[in-house]
Amino acid sequence: MEDILRLKLQYVATVTNQEVVQQQLNIQRFLRGRLRLKRGARACNIWKRPLLHAGRRRQFGIYDQLMVELRRVSPGTFKKFLRMPSEMNYAILRRVRHRLVKQHTRYREPLDPGLK
């Protein structure tokens, strides 16, 4: 009987200790986050990166430049690049396009479904 009581007390003490340790960790994480904010560290804002805006994507992107060129000039190279013929690519894209199309917003234009 005494062994059971002693085990119960040890269990309660262990659980209480774990709760205290968890609370201390939460406080440390909170304070570390506040220090980062005070130092001026901000989260990366991917909406404003000039290298990724839509104009540069259309001008230098693989889908808008390379894929169009491969379709037009060299269907064999297109097949090697995507590992499927262009007709199959069109058929797959036609079937899943409605699932890939995103809504236009005032913040940015959605990506073309073929790019995805």
PDB file of N, CA and C in Angstrom:
ATOM      1  N   MET A   1       0.824  -1.196   0.000  1.00  0.00           N
ATOM      2  CA  MET A   1       0.000   0.000   0.000  1.00  0.00           C
ATOM      3  C   MET A   1       0.863   1.252   0.000  1.00  0.00           C
ATOM      4  N   GLU A   2       1.941   1.201   0.799  1.00  0.00           N
ATOM      5  CA  GLU A   2       2.821   2.364   0.865  1.00  0.00           C
ATOM      6  C   GLU A   2       3.535   2.581  -0.461  1.00  0.00           C
ATOM      7  N   ASP A   3       3.854   1.470  -1.158  1.00  0.00           N
ATOM      8  CA  ASP A   3       4.524   1.584  -2.452  1.00  0.00           C
ATOM      9  C   ASP A   3       3.623   2.288  -3.469  1.00  0.00           C
ATOM     10  N   ILE A   4       2.349   1.943  -3.467  1.00  0.00           N
ATOM     11  CA  ILE A   4       1.408   2.569  -4.399  1.00  0.00           C
ATOM     12  C   ILE A   4       1.281   4.053  -4.104  1.00  0.00           C
ATOM     13  N   LEU A   5       1.167   4.401  -2.841  1.00  0.00           N
ATOM     14  CA  LEU A   5       1.066   5.812  -2.459  1.00  0.00           C
ATOM     15  C   LEU A   5       2.333   6.568  -2.844  1.00  0.00           C
ATOM     16  N   ARG A   6       3.487   5.940  -2.628  1.00  0.00           N
ATOM     17  CA  ARG A   6       4.759   6.584  -2.972  1.00  0.00           C
ATOM     18  C   ARG A   6       4.859   6.780  -4.487  1.00  0.00           C
ATOM     19  N   LEU A   7       4.429   5.781  -5.276  1.00  0.00           N
ATOM     20  CA  LEU A   7       4.460   5.897  -6.734  1.00  0.00           C
ATOM     21  C   LEU A   7       3.529   7.006  -7.228  1.00  0.00           C
ATOM     22  N   LYS A   8       2.351   7.112  -6.606  1.00  0.00           N
ATOM     23  CA  LYS A   8       1.414   8.173  -6.987  1.00  0.00           C
ATOM     24  C   LYS A   8       2.013   9.541  -6.717  1.00  0.00           C
ATOM     25  N   LEU A   9       2.654   9.687  -5.565  1.00  0.00           N
ATOM     26  CA  LEU A   9       3.276  10.968  -5.227  1.00  0.00           C
ATOM     27  C   LEU A   9       4.424  11.293  -6.183  1.00  0.00           C
ATOM     28  N   GLN A  10       5.214  10.281  -6.540  1.00  0.00           N
ATOM     29  CA  GLN A  10       6.296  10.509  -7.497  1.00  0.00           C
ATOM     30  C   GLN A  10       5.736  10.925  -8.863  1.00  0.00           C
ATOM     31  N   TYR A  11       4.648  10.277  -9.257  1.00  0.00           N
ATOM     32  CA  TYR A  11       4.022  10.611 -10.538  1.00  0.00           C
ATOM     33  C   TYR A  11       3.520  12.050 -10.541  1.00  0.00           C
ATOM     34  N   VAL A  12       2.833  12.447  -9.493  1.00  0.00           N
ATOM     35  CA  VAL A  12       2.318  13.815  -9.388  1.00  0.00           C
ATOM     36  C   VAL A  12       3.469  14.815  -9.385  1.00  0.00           C
ATOM     37  N   ALA A  13       4.540  14.498  -8.674  1.00  0.00           N
ATOM     38  CA  ALA A  13       5.698  15.396  -8.640  1.00  0.00           C
ATOM     39  C   ALA A  13       6.337  15.512 -10.022  1.00  0.00           C
ATOM     40  N   THR A  14       6.431  14.417 -10.748  1.00  0.00           N
ATOM     41  CA  THR A  14       7.020  14.436 -12.090  1.00  0.00           C
ATOM     42  C   THR A  14       6.167  15.252 -13.050  1.00  0.00           C
ATOM     43  N   VAL A  15       4.859  15.050 -13.011  1.00  0.00           N
ATOM     44  CA  VAL A  15       3.959  15.801 -13.891  1.00  0.00           C
ATOM     45  C   VAL A  15       4.025  17.288 -13.570  1.00  0.00           C
ATOM     46  N   THR A  16       4.034  17.633 -12.307  1.00  0.00           N
ATOM     47  CA  THR A  16       4.127  19.036 -11.903  1.00  0.00           C
ATOM     48  C   THR A  16       5.443  19.644 -12.369  1.00  0.00           C
ATOM     49  N   ASN A  17       6.524  18.902 -12.236  1.00  0.00           N
ATOM     50  CA  ASN A  17       7.831  19.383 -12.686  1.00  0.00           C
ATOM     51  C   ASN A  17       7.825  19.608 -14.197  1.00  0.00           C
ATOM     52  N   GLN A  18       7.223  18.697 -14.954  1.00  0.00           N
ATOM     53  CA  GLN A  18       7.146  18.862 -16.403  1.00  0.00           C
ATOM     54  C   GLN A  18       6.342  20.102 -16.780  1.00  0.00           C
ATOM     55  N   GLU A  19       5.259  20.362 -16.060  1.00  0.00           N
ATOM     56  CA  GLU A  19       4.457  21.556 -16.334  1.00  0.00           C
ATOM     57  C   GLU A  19       5.256  22.826 -16.068  1.00  0.00           C
ATOM     58  N   VAL A  20       6.023  22.831 -14.991  1.00  0.00           N
ATOM     59  CA  VAL A  20       6.848  23.998 -14.667  1.00  0.00           C
ATOM     60  C   VAL A  20       7.901  24.220 -15.747  1.00  0.00           C
ATOM     61  N   VAL A  21       8.545  23.145 -16.181  1.00  0.00           N
ATOM     62  CA  VAL A  21       9.565  23.261 -17.232  1.00  0.00           C
ATOM     63  C   VAL A  21       8.935  23.776 -18.520  1.00  0.00           C
ATOM     64  N   GLN A  22       7.751  23.275 -18.863  1.00  0.00           N
ATOM     65  CA  GLN A  22       7.070  23.723 -20.076  1.00  0.00           C
ATOM     66  C   GLN A  22       6.713  25.203 -19.986  1.00  0.00           C
ATOM     67  N   GLN A  23       6.254  25.655 -18.842  1.00  0.00           N
ATOM     68  CA  GLN A  23       5.949  27.075 -18.667  1.00  0.00           C
ATOM     69  C   GLN A  23       7.207  27.926 -18.798  1.00  0.00           C
ATOM     70  N   GLN A  24       8.316  27.465 -18.257  1.00  0.00           N
ATOM     71  CA  GLN A  24       9.571  28.211 -18.393  1.00  0.00           C
ATOM     72  C   GLN A  24      10.007  28.293 -19.852  1.00  0.00           C
ATOM     73  N   LEU A  25       9.848  27.200 -20.587  1.00  0.00           N
ATOM     74  CA  LEU A  25      10.187  27.223 -22.011  1.00  0.00           C
ATOM     75  C   LEU A  25       9.298  28.193 -22.779  1.00  0.00           C
ATOM     76  N   ASN A  26       8.021  28.199 -22.456  1.00  0.00           N
ATOM     77  CA  ASN A  26       7.105  29.123 -23.128  1.00  0.00           C
ATOM     78  C   ASN A  26       7.478  30.571 -22.845  1.00  0.00           C
ATOM     79  N   ILE A  27       7.852  30.862 -21.620  1.00  0.00           N
ATOM     80  CA  ILE A  27       8.265  32.229 -21.265  1.00  0.00           C
ATOM     81  C   ILE A  27       9.529  32.606 -22.022  1.00  0.00           C
ATOM     82  N   GLN A  28      10.496  31.687 -22.111  1.00  0.00           N
ATOM     83  CA  GLN A  28      11.728  31.971 -22.849  1.00  0.00           C
ATOM     84  C   GLN A  28      11.445  32.219 -24.327  1.00  0.00           C
ATOM     85  N   ARG A  29      10.571  31.419 -24.924  1.00  0.00           N
ATOM     86  CA  ARG A  29      10.226  31.622 -26.338  1.00  0.00           C
ATOM     87  C   ARG A  29       9.555  32.970 -26.542  1.00  0.00           C
ATOM     88  N   PHE A  30       8.674  33.328 -25.636  1.00  0.00           N
ATOM     89  CA  PHE A  30       7.987  34.613 -25.738  1.00  0.00           C
ATOM     90  C   PHE A  30       8.979  35.764 -25.649  1.00  0.00           C
ATOM     91  N   LEU A  31       9.874  35.698 -24.672  1.00  0.00           N
ATOM     92  CA  LEU A  31      10.856  36.772 -24.507  1.00  0.00           C
ATOM     93  C   LEU A  31      11.821  36.833 -25.686  1.00  0.00           C
ATOM     94  N   ARG A  32      12.210  35.700 -26.220  1.00  0.00           N
ATOM     95  CA  ARG A  32      13.098  35.684 -27.378  1.00  0.00           C
ATOM     96  C   ARG A  32      12.408  36.332 -28.582  1.00  0.00           C
ATOM     97  N   GLY A  33      11.126  36.070 -28.750  1.00  0.00           N
ATOM     98  CA  GLY A  33      10.379  36.698 -29.838  1.00  0.00           C
ATOM     99  C   GLY A  33      10.286  38.198 -29.667  1.00  0.00           C
ATOM    100  N   ARG A  34      10.104  38.664 -28.440  1.00  0.00           N
ATOM    101  CA  ARG A  34      10.050  40.111 -28.195  1.00  0.00           C
ATOM    102  C   ARG A  34      11.390  40.763 -28.475  1.00  0.00           C
ATOM    103  N   LEU A  35      12.487  40.085 -28.127  1.00  0.00           N
ATOM    104  CA  LEU A  35      13.813  40.638 -28.409  1.00  0.00           C
ATOM    105  C   LEU A  35      14.036  40.779 -29.906  1.00  0.00           C
ATOM    106  N   ARG A  36      13.587  39.812 -30.666  1.00  0.00           N
ATOM    107  CA  ARG A  36      13.743  39.903 -32.119  1.00  0.00           C
ATOM    108  C   ARG A  36      12.981  41.096 -32.662  1.00  0.00           C
ATOM    109  N   LEU A  37      11.786  41.320 -32.145  1.00  0.00           N
ATOM    110  CA  LEU A  37      11.000  42.462 -32.617  1.00  0.00           C
ATOM    111  C   LEU A  37      11.663  43.778 -32.233  1.00  0.00           C
ATOM    112  N   LYS A  38      12.258  43.829 -31.050  1.00  0.00           N
ATOM    113  CA  LYS A  38      12.919  45.061 -30.619  1.00  0.00           C
ATOM    114  C   LYS A  38      14.141  45.363 -31.472  1.00  0.00           C
ATOM    115  N   ARG A  39      14.850  44.329 -31.881  1.00  0.00           N
ATOM    116  CA  ARG A  39      16.055  44.530 -32.679  1.00  0.00           C
ATOM    117  C   ARG A  39      15.733  44.943 -34.112  1.00  0.00           C
ATOM    118  N   GLY A  40      14.502  44.835 -34.497  1.00  0.00           N
ATOM    119  CA  GLY A  40      14.122  45.245 -35.841  1.00  0.00           C
ATOM    120  C   GLY A  40      14.086  44.115 -36.844  1.00  0.00           C
ATOM    121  N   ALA A  41      14.233  42.901 -36.387  1.00  0.00           N
ATOM    122  CA  ALA A  41      14.163  41.782 -37.320  1.00  0.00           C
ATOM    123  C   ALA A  41      12.715  41.591 -37.738  1.00  0.00           C
ATOM    124  N   ARG A  42      12.495  41.616 -39.020  1.00  0.00           N
ATOM    125  CA  ARG A  42      11.135  41.457 -39.540  1.00  0.00           C
ATOM    126  C   ARG A  42      11.056  40.186 -40.368  1.00  0.00           C
ATOM    127  N   ALA A  43       9.862  39.708 -40.511  1.00  0.00           N
ATOM    128  CA  ALA A  43       9.664  38.541 -41.356  1.00  0.00           C
ATOM    129  C   ALA A  43       9.863  38.944 -42.815  1.00  0.00           C
ATOM    130  N   CYS A  44      10.356  38.017 -43.598  1.00  0.00           N
ATOM    131  CA  CYS A  44      10.557  38.308 -45.018  1.00  0.00           C
ATOM    132  C   CYS A  44       9.205  38.542 -45.678  1.00  0.00           C
ATOM    133  N   ASN A  45       9.151  39.535 -46.508  1.00  0.00           N
ATOM    134  CA  ASN A  45       7.909  39.861 -47.181  1.00  0.00           C
ATOM    135  C   ASN A  45       8.043  39.484 -48.648  1.00  0.00           C
ATOM    136  N   ILE A  46       7.484  38.359 -49.028  1.00  0.00           N
ATOM    137  CA  ILE A  46       7.658  37.883 -50.392  1.00  0.00           C
ATOM    138  C   ILE A  46       6.806  38.654 -51.386  1.00  0.00           C
ATOM    139  N   TRP A  47       5.859  39.431 -50.919  1.00  0.00           N
ATOM    140  CA  TRP A  47       5.001  40.176 -51.834  1.00  0.00           C
ATOM    141  C   TRP A  47       5.746  41.335 -52.482  1.00  0.00           C
ATOM    142  N   LYS A  48       6.815  41.803 -51.885  1.00  0.00           N
ATOM    143  CA  LYS A  48       7.470  43.011 -52.360  1.00  0.00           C
ATOM    144  C   LYS A  48       8.852  42.768 -52.949  1.00  0.00           C
ATOM    145  N   ARG A  49       9.233  41.552 -53.173  1.00  0.00           N
ATOM    146  CA  ARG A  49      10.554  41.289 -53.736  1.00  0.00           C
ATOM    147  C   ARG A  49      10.553  41.667 -55.210  1.00  0.00           C
ATOM    148  N   PRO A  50      11.411  42.601 -55.607  1.00  0.00           N
ATOM    149  CA  PRO A  50      11.377  43.075 -56.994  1.00  0.00           C
ATOM    150  C   PRO A  50      11.828  42.026 -58.000  1.00  0.00           C
ATOM    151  N   LEU A  51      12.613  41.058 -57.577  1.00  0.00           N
ATOM    152  CA  LEU A  51      13.083  40.056 -58.525  1.00  0.00           C
ATOM    153  C   LEU A  51      11.991  39.091 -58.955  1.00  0.00           C
ATOM    154  N   LEU A  52      10.917  39.007 -58.191  1.00  0.00           N
ATOM    155  CA  LEU A  52       9.893  38.012 -58.480  1.00  0.00           C
ATOM    156  C   LEU A  52       8.601  38.600 -59.020  1.00  0.00           C
ATOM    157  N   HIS A  53       8.574  39.861 -59.369  1.00  0.00           N
ATOM    158  CA  HIS A  53       7.299  40.414 -59.810  1.00  0.00           C
ATOM    159  C   HIS A  53       6.930  39.861 -61.185  1.00  0.00           C
ATOM    160  N   ALA A  54       5.685  40.040 -61.584  1.00  0.00           N
ATOM    161  CA  ALA A  54       5.140  39.367 -62.759  1.00  0.00           C
ATOM    162  C   ALA A  54       5.858  39.748 -64.048  1.00  0.00           C
ATOM    163  N   GLY A  55       6.286  40.991 -64.180  1.00  0.00           N
ATOM    164  CA  GLY A  55       6.973  41.412 -65.401  1.00  0.00           C
ATOM    165  C   GLY A  55       8.274  40.661 -65.611  1.00  0.00           C
ATOM    166  N   ARG A  56       9.055  40.520 -64.565  1.00  0.00           N
ATOM    167  CA  ARG A  56      10.322  39.781 -64.677  1.00  0.00           C
ATOM    168  C   ARG A  56      10.064  38.294 -64.884  1.00  0.00           C
ATOM    169  N   ARG A  57       9.000  37.786 -64.286  1.00  0.00           N
ATOM    170  CA  ARG A  57       8.682  36.367 -64.473  1.00  0.00           C
ATOM    171  C   ARG A  57       8.352  36.107 -65.942  1.00  0.00           C
ATOM    172  N   ARG A  58       7.563  36.997 -66.553  1.00  0.00           N
ATOM    173  CA  ARG A  58       7.221  36.814 -67.965  1.00  0.00           C
ATOM    174  C   ARG A  58       8.434  37.008 -68.868  1.00  0.00           C
ATOM    175  N   GLN A  59       9.337  37.886 -68.471  1.00  0.00           N
ATOM    176  CA  GLN A  59      10.488  38.188 -69.311  1.00  0.00           C
ATOM    177  C   GLN A  59      11.573  37.110 -69.212  1.00  0.00           C
ATOM    178  N   PHE A  60      11.813  36.581 -68.018  1.00  0.00           N
ATOM    179  CA  PHE A  60      12.931  35.662 -67.817  1.00  0.00           C
ATOM    180  C   PHE A  60      12.525  34.266 -67.346  1.00  0.00           C
ATOM    181  N   GLY A  61      11.244  34.025 -67.125  1.00  0.00           N
ATOM    182  CA  GLY A  61      10.824  32.754 -66.539  1.00  0.00           C
ATOM    183  C   GLY A  61      10.926  31.581 -67.501  1.00  0.00           C
ATOM    184  N   ILE A  62      11.080  30.404 -66.944  1.00  0.00           N
ATOM    185  CA  ILE A  62      11.193  29.197 -67.763  1.00  0.00           C
ATOM    186  C   ILE A  62       9.899  28.948 -68.517  1.00  0.00           C
ATOM    187  N   TYR A  63       8.771  29.057 -67.835  1.00  0.00           N
ATOM    188  CA  TYR A  63       7.507  28.710 -68.476  1.00  0.00           C
ATOM    189  C   TYR A  63       7.179  29.675 -69.600  1.00  0.00           C
ATOM    190  N   ASP A  64       7.317  30.949 -69.348  1.00  0.00           N
ATOM    191  CA  ASP A  64       6.898  31.931 -70.341  1.00  0.00           C
ATOM    192  C   ASP A  64       7.876  32.073 -71.496  1.00  0.00           C
ATOM    193  N   GLN A  65       9.116  31.705 -71.340  1.00  0.00           N
ATOM    194  CA  GLN A  65      10.090  31.820 -72.423  1.00  0.00           C
ATOM    195  C   GLN A  65      10.458  30.457 -73.003  1.00  0.00           C
ATOM    196  N   LEU A  66      11.027  29.612 -72.174  1.00  0.00           N
ATOM    197  CA  LEU A  66      11.563  28.348 -72.660  1.00  0.00           C
ATOM    198  C   LEU A  66      10.476  27.420 -73.176  1.00  0.00           C
ATOM    199  N   MET A  67       9.396  27.278 -72.439  1.00  0.00           N
ATOM    200  CA  MET A  67       8.350  26.340 -72.838  1.00  0.00           C
ATOM    201  C   MET A  67       7.708  26.763 -74.152  1.00  0.00           C
ATOM    202  N   VAL A  68       7.469  28.051 -74.326  1.00  0.00           N
ATOM    203  CA  VAL A  68       6.884  28.541 -75.573  1.00  0.00           C
ATOM    204  C   VAL A  68       7.828  28.263 -76.733  1.00  0.00           C
ATOM    205  N   GLU A  69       9.106  28.531 -76.517  1.00  0.00           N
ATOM    206  CA  GLU A  69      10.106  28.301 -77.564  1.00  0.00           C
ATOM    207  C   GLU A  69      10.210  26.813 -77.904  1.00  0.00           C
ATOM    208  N   LEU A  70      10.214  25.959 -76.901  1.00  0.00           N
ATOM    209  CA  LEU A  70      10.316  24.523 -77.162  1.00  0.00           C
ATOM    210  C   LEU A  70       9.086  23.997 -77.890  1.00  0.00           C
ATOM    211  N   ARG A  71       7.911  24.457 -77.521  1.00  0.00           N
ATOM    212  CA  ARG A  71       6.696  24.026 -78.216  1.00  0.00           C
ATOM    213  C   ARG A  71       6.737  24.427 -79.683  1.00  0.00           C
ATOM    214  N   ARG A  72       7.200  25.641 -79.918  1.00  0.00           N
ATOM    215  CA  ARG A  72       7.163  26.198 -81.267  1.00  0.00           C
ATOM    216  C   ARG A  72       8.252  25.592 -82.154  1.00  0.00           C
ATOM    217  N   VAL A  73       9.464  25.489 -81.643  1.00  0.00           N
ATOM    218  CA  VAL A  73      10.610  25.134 -82.477  1.00  0.00           C
ATOM    219  C   VAL A  73      10.913  23.639 -82.458  1.00  0.00           C
ATOM    220  N   SER A  74      10.957  23.041 -81.278  1.00  0.00           N
ATOM    221  CA  SER A  74      11.481  21.680 -81.178  1.00  0.00           C
ATOM    222  C   SER A  74      10.610  20.813 -80.278  1.00  0.00           C
ATOM    223  N   PRO A  75       9.614  20.136 -80.849  1.00  0.00           N
ATOM    224  CA  PRO A  75       8.770  19.260 -80.027  1.00  0.00           C
ATOM    225  C   PRO A  75       9.551  18.112 -79.376  1.00  0.00           C
ATOM    226  N   GLY A  76      10.606  17.631 -80.027  1.00  0.00           N
ATOM    227  CA  GLY A  76      11.407  16.556 -79.432  1.00  0.00           C
ATOM    228  C   GLY A  76      12.107  17.006 -78.162  1.00  0.00           C
ATOM    229  N   THR A  77      12.641  18.220 -78.182  1.00  0.00           N
ATOM    230  CA  THR A  77      13.298  18.756 -76.996  1.00  0.00           C
ATOM    231  C   THR A  77      12.274  19.036 -75.902  1.00  0.00           C
ATOM    232  N   PHE A  78      11.071  19.475 -76.302  1.00  0.00           N
ATOM    233  CA  PHE A  78       9.986  19.684 -75.337  1.00  0.00           C
ATOM    234  C   PHE A  78       9.677  18.370 -74.628  1.00  0.00           C
ATOM    235  N   LYS A  79       9.614  17.291 -75.410  1.00  0.00           N
ATOM    236  CA  LYS A  79       9.317  15.977 -74.835  1.00  0.00           C
ATOM    237  C   LYS A  79      10.423  15.537 -73.872  1.00  0.00           C
ATOM    238  N   LYS A  80      11.678  15.803 -74.220  1.00  0.00           N
ATOM    239  CA  LYS A  80      12.780  15.443 -73.331  1.00  0.00           C
ATOM    240  C   LYS A  80      12.767  16.283 -72.058  1.00  0.00           C
ATOM    241  N   PHE A  81      12.401  17.556 -72.189  1.00  0.00           N
ATOM    242  CA  PHE A  81      12.415  18.459 -71.042  1.00  0.00           C
ATOM    243  C   PHE A  81      11.324  18.100 -70.036  1.00  0.00           C
ATOM    244  N   LEU A  82      10.106  17.865 -70.522  1.00  0.00           N
ATOM    245  CA  LEU A  82       8.985  17.544 -69.623  1.00  0.00           C
ATOM    246  C   LEU A  82       8.754  16.047 -69.451  1.00  0.00           C
ATOM    247  N   ARG A  83       9.425  15.249 -70.269  1.00  0.00           N
ATOM    248  CA  ARG A  83       9.270  13.798 -70.263  1.00  0.00           C
ATOM    249  C   ARG A  83       7.853  13.376 -70.631  1.00  0.00           C
ATOM    250  N   MET A  84       7.231  14.175 -71.495  1.00  0.00           N
ATOM    251  CA  MET A  84       5.931  13.826 -72.057  1.00  0.00           C
ATOM    252  C   MET A  84       5.741  14.660 -73.322  1.00  0.00           C
ATOM    253  N   PRO A  85       4.994  14.146 -74.288  1.00  0.00           N
ATOM    254  CA  PRO A  85       4.745  14.943 -75.493  1.00  0.00           C
ATOM    255  C   PRO A  85       3.867  16.149 -75.180  1.00  0.00           C
ATOM    256  N   SER A  86       3.938  17.150 -76.052  1.00  0.00           N
ATOM    257  CA  SER A  86       3.179  18.378 -75.800  1.00  0.00           C
ATOM    258  C   SER A  86       1.677  18.116 -75.819  1.00  0.00           C
ATOM    259  N   GLU A  87       1.216  17.156 -76.641  1.00  0.00           N
ATOM    260  CA  GLU A  87      -0.223  16.851 -76.682  1.00  0.00           C
ATOM    261  C   GLU A  87      -0.701  16.316 -75.329  1.00  0.00           C
ATOM    262  N   MET A  88       0.103  15.453 -74.709  1.00  0.00           N
ATOM    263  CA  MET A  88      -0.261  14.919 -73.400  1.00  0.00           C
ATOM    264  C   MET A  88      -0.244  16.031 -72.349  1.00  0.00           C
ATOM    265  N   ASN A  89       0.721  16.924 -72.458  1.00  0.00           N
ATOM    266  CA  ASN A  89       0.784  18.059 -71.536  1.00  0.00           C
ATOM    267  C   ASN A  89      -0.481  18.906 -71.652  1.00  0.00           C
ATOM    268  N   TYR A  90      -0.901  19.178 -72.890  1.00  0.00           N
ATOM    269  CA  TYR A  90      -2.129  19.952 -73.091  1.00  0.00           C
ATOM    270  C   TYR A  90      -3.352  19.214 -72.541  1.00  0.00           C
ATOM    271  N   ALA A  91      -3.422  17.894 -72.772  1.00  0.00           N
ATOM    272  CA  ALA A  91      -4.570  17.120 -72.298  1.00  0.00           C
ATOM    273  C   ALA A  91      -4.647  17.134 -70.772  1.00  0.00           C
ATOM    274  N   ILE A  92      -3.523  16.933 -70.118  1.00  0.00           N
ATOM    275  CA  ILE A  92      -3.507  16.954 -68.647  1.00  0.00           C
ATOM    276  C   ILE A  92      -3.872  18.337 -68.138  1.00  0.00           C
ATOM    277  N   LEU A  93      -3.292  19.359 -68.760  1.00  0.00           N
ATOM    278  CA  LEU A  93      -3.580  20.729 -68.337  1.00  0.00           C
ATOM    279  C   LEU A  93      -5.053  21.071 -68.522  1.00  0.00           C
ATOM    280  N   ARG A  94      -5.652  20.599 -69.622  1.00  0.00           N
ATOM    281  CA  ARG A  94      -7.073  20.862 -69.874  1.00  0.00           C
ATOM    282  C   ARG A  94      -7.942  20.226 -68.784  1.00  0.00           C
ATOM    283  N   ARG A  95      -7.540  19.044 -68.304  1.00  0.00           N
ATOM    284  CA  ARG A  95      -8.342  18.342 -67.299  1.00  0.00           C
ATOM    285  C   ARG A  95      -8.230  18.948 -65.904  1.00  0.00           C
ATOM    286  N   VAL A  96      -7.076  19.498 -65.556  1.00  0.00           N
ATOM    287  CA  VAL A  96      -6.883  19.989 -64.187  1.00  0.00           C
ATOM    288  C   VAL A  96      -6.838  21.515 -64.088  1.00  0.00           C
ATOM    289  N   ARG A  97      -6.998  22.218 -65.202  1.00  0.00           N
ATOM    290  CA  ARG A  97      -6.893  23.679 -65.199  1.00  0.00           C
ATOM    291  C   ARG A  97      -7.860  24.314 -64.201  1.00  0.00           C
ATOM    292  N   HIS A  98      -9.086  23.857 -64.149  1.00  0.00           N
ATOM    293  CA  HIS A  98     -10.085  24.469 -63.263  1.00  0.00           C
ATOM    294  C   HIS A  98      -9.703  24.336 -61.787  1.00  0.00           C
ATOM    295  N   ARG A  99      -8.921  23.320 -61.438  1.00  0.00           N
ATOM    296  CA  ARG A  99      -8.481  23.163 -60.050  1.00  0.00           C
ATOM    297  C   ARG A  99      -7.287  24.049 -59.714  1.00  0.00           C
ATOM    298  N   LEU A 100      -6.533  24.428 -60.732  1.00  0.00           N
ATOM    299  CA  LEU A 100      -5.315  25.198 -60.506  1.00  0.00           C
ATOM    300  C   LEU A 100      -5.512  26.699 -60.622  1.00  0.00           C
ATOM    301  N   VAL A 101      -6.602  27.129 -61.254  1.00  0.00           N
ATOM    302  CA  VAL A 101      -6.818  28.561 -61.461  1.00  0.00           C
ATOM    303  C   VAL A 101      -7.146  29.218 -60.132  1.00  0.00           C
ATOM    304  N   LYS A 102      -6.450  30.299 -59.849  1.00  0.00           N
ATOM    305  CA  LYS A 102      -6.692  31.051 -58.621  1.00  0.00           C
ATOM    306  C   LYS A 102      -7.445  32.329 -58.954  1.00  0.00           C
ATOM    307  N   GLN A 103      -7.980  32.938 -57.951  1.00  0.00           N
ATOM    308  CA  GLN A 103      -8.752  34.156 -58.102  1.00  0.00           C
ATOM    309  C   GLN A 103      -7.825  35.359 -58.278  1.00  0.00           C
ATOM    310  N   HIS A 104      -8.226  36.286 -59.149  1.00  0.00           N
ATOM    311  CA  HIS A 104      -7.470  37.529 -59.314  1.00  0.00           C
ATOM    312  C   HIS A 104      -7.725  38.415 -58.102  1.00  0.00           C
ATOM    313  N   THR A 105      -6.675  38.990 -57.560  1.00  0.00           N
ATOM    314  CA  THR A 105      -6.816  39.914 -56.441  1.00  0.00           C
ATOM    315  C   THR A 105      -6.153  41.225 -56.808  1.00  0.00           C
ATOM    316  N   ARG A 106      -6.366  42.225 -55.986  1.00  0.00           N
ATOM    317  CA  ARG A 106      -5.745  43.512 -56.273  1.00  0.00           C
ATOM    318  C   ARG A 106      -4.270  43.537 -55.869  1.00  0.00           C
ATOM    319  N   TYR A 107      -3.813  42.500 -55.175  1.00  0.00           N
ATOM    320  CA  TYR A 107      -2.425  42.448 -54.734  1.00  0.00           C
ATOM    321  C   TYR A 107      -1.496  41.883 -55.800  1.00  0.00           C
ATOM    322  N   ARG A 108      -1.939  40.837 -56.482  1.00  0.00           N
ATOM    323  CA  ARG A 108      -1.086  40.241 -57.507  1.00  0.00           C
ATOM    324  C   ARG A 108      -1.920  39.401 -58.450  1.00  0.00           C
ATOM    325  N   GLU A 109      -1.330  39.141 -59.611  1.00  0.00           N
ATOM    326  CA  GLU A 109      -1.974  38.292 -60.602  1.00  0.00           C
ATOM    327  C   GLU A 109      -1.661  36.832 -60.265  1.00  0.00           C
ATOM    328  N   PRO A 110      -2.605  35.932 -60.455  1.00  0.00           N
ATOM    329  CA  PRO A 110      -2.315  34.525 -60.167  1.00  0.00           C
ATOM    330  C   PRO A 110      -1.385  33.934 -61.224  1.00  0.00           C
ATOM    331  N   LEU A 111      -0.698  32.875 -60.861  1.00  0.00           N
ATOM    332  CA  LEU A 111       0.179  32.191 -61.801  1.00  0.00           C
ATOM    333  C   LEU A 111      -0.651  31.418 -62.814  1.00  0.00           C
ATOM    334  N   ASP A 112      -0.103  31.264 -63.994  1.00  0.00           N
ATOM    335  CA  ASP A 112      -0.762  30.503 -65.041  1.00  0.00           C
ATOM    336  C   ASP A 112      -0.826  29.030 -64.626  1.00  0.00           C
ATOM    337  N   PRO A 113      -1.950  28.347 -64.860  1.00  0.00           N
ATOM    338  CA  PRO A 113      -2.042  26.941 -64.459  1.00  0.00           C
ATOM    339  C   PRO A 113      -0.984  26.048 -65.105  1.00  0.00           C
ATOM    340  N   GLY A 114      -0.548  26.374 -66.310  1.00  0.00           N
ATOM    341  CA  GLY A 114       0.489  25.575 -66.952  1.00  0.00           C
ATOM    342  C   GLY A 114       1.809  25.643 -66.221  1.00  0.00           C
ATOM    343  N   LEU A 115       2.055  26.726 -65.543  1.00  0.00           N
ATOM    344  CA  LEU A 115       3.289  26.895 -64.782  1.00  0.00           C
ATOM    345  C   LEU A 115       3.326  25.958 -63.584  1.00  0.00           C
ATOM    346  N   LYS A 116       2.173  25.664 -63.031  1.00  0.00           N
ATOM    347  CA  LYS A 116       2.112  24.822 -61.844  1.00  0.00           C
ATOM    348  C   LYS A 116       2.260  23.377 -62.234  1.00  0.00           C
TER     349      LYS A 116
END
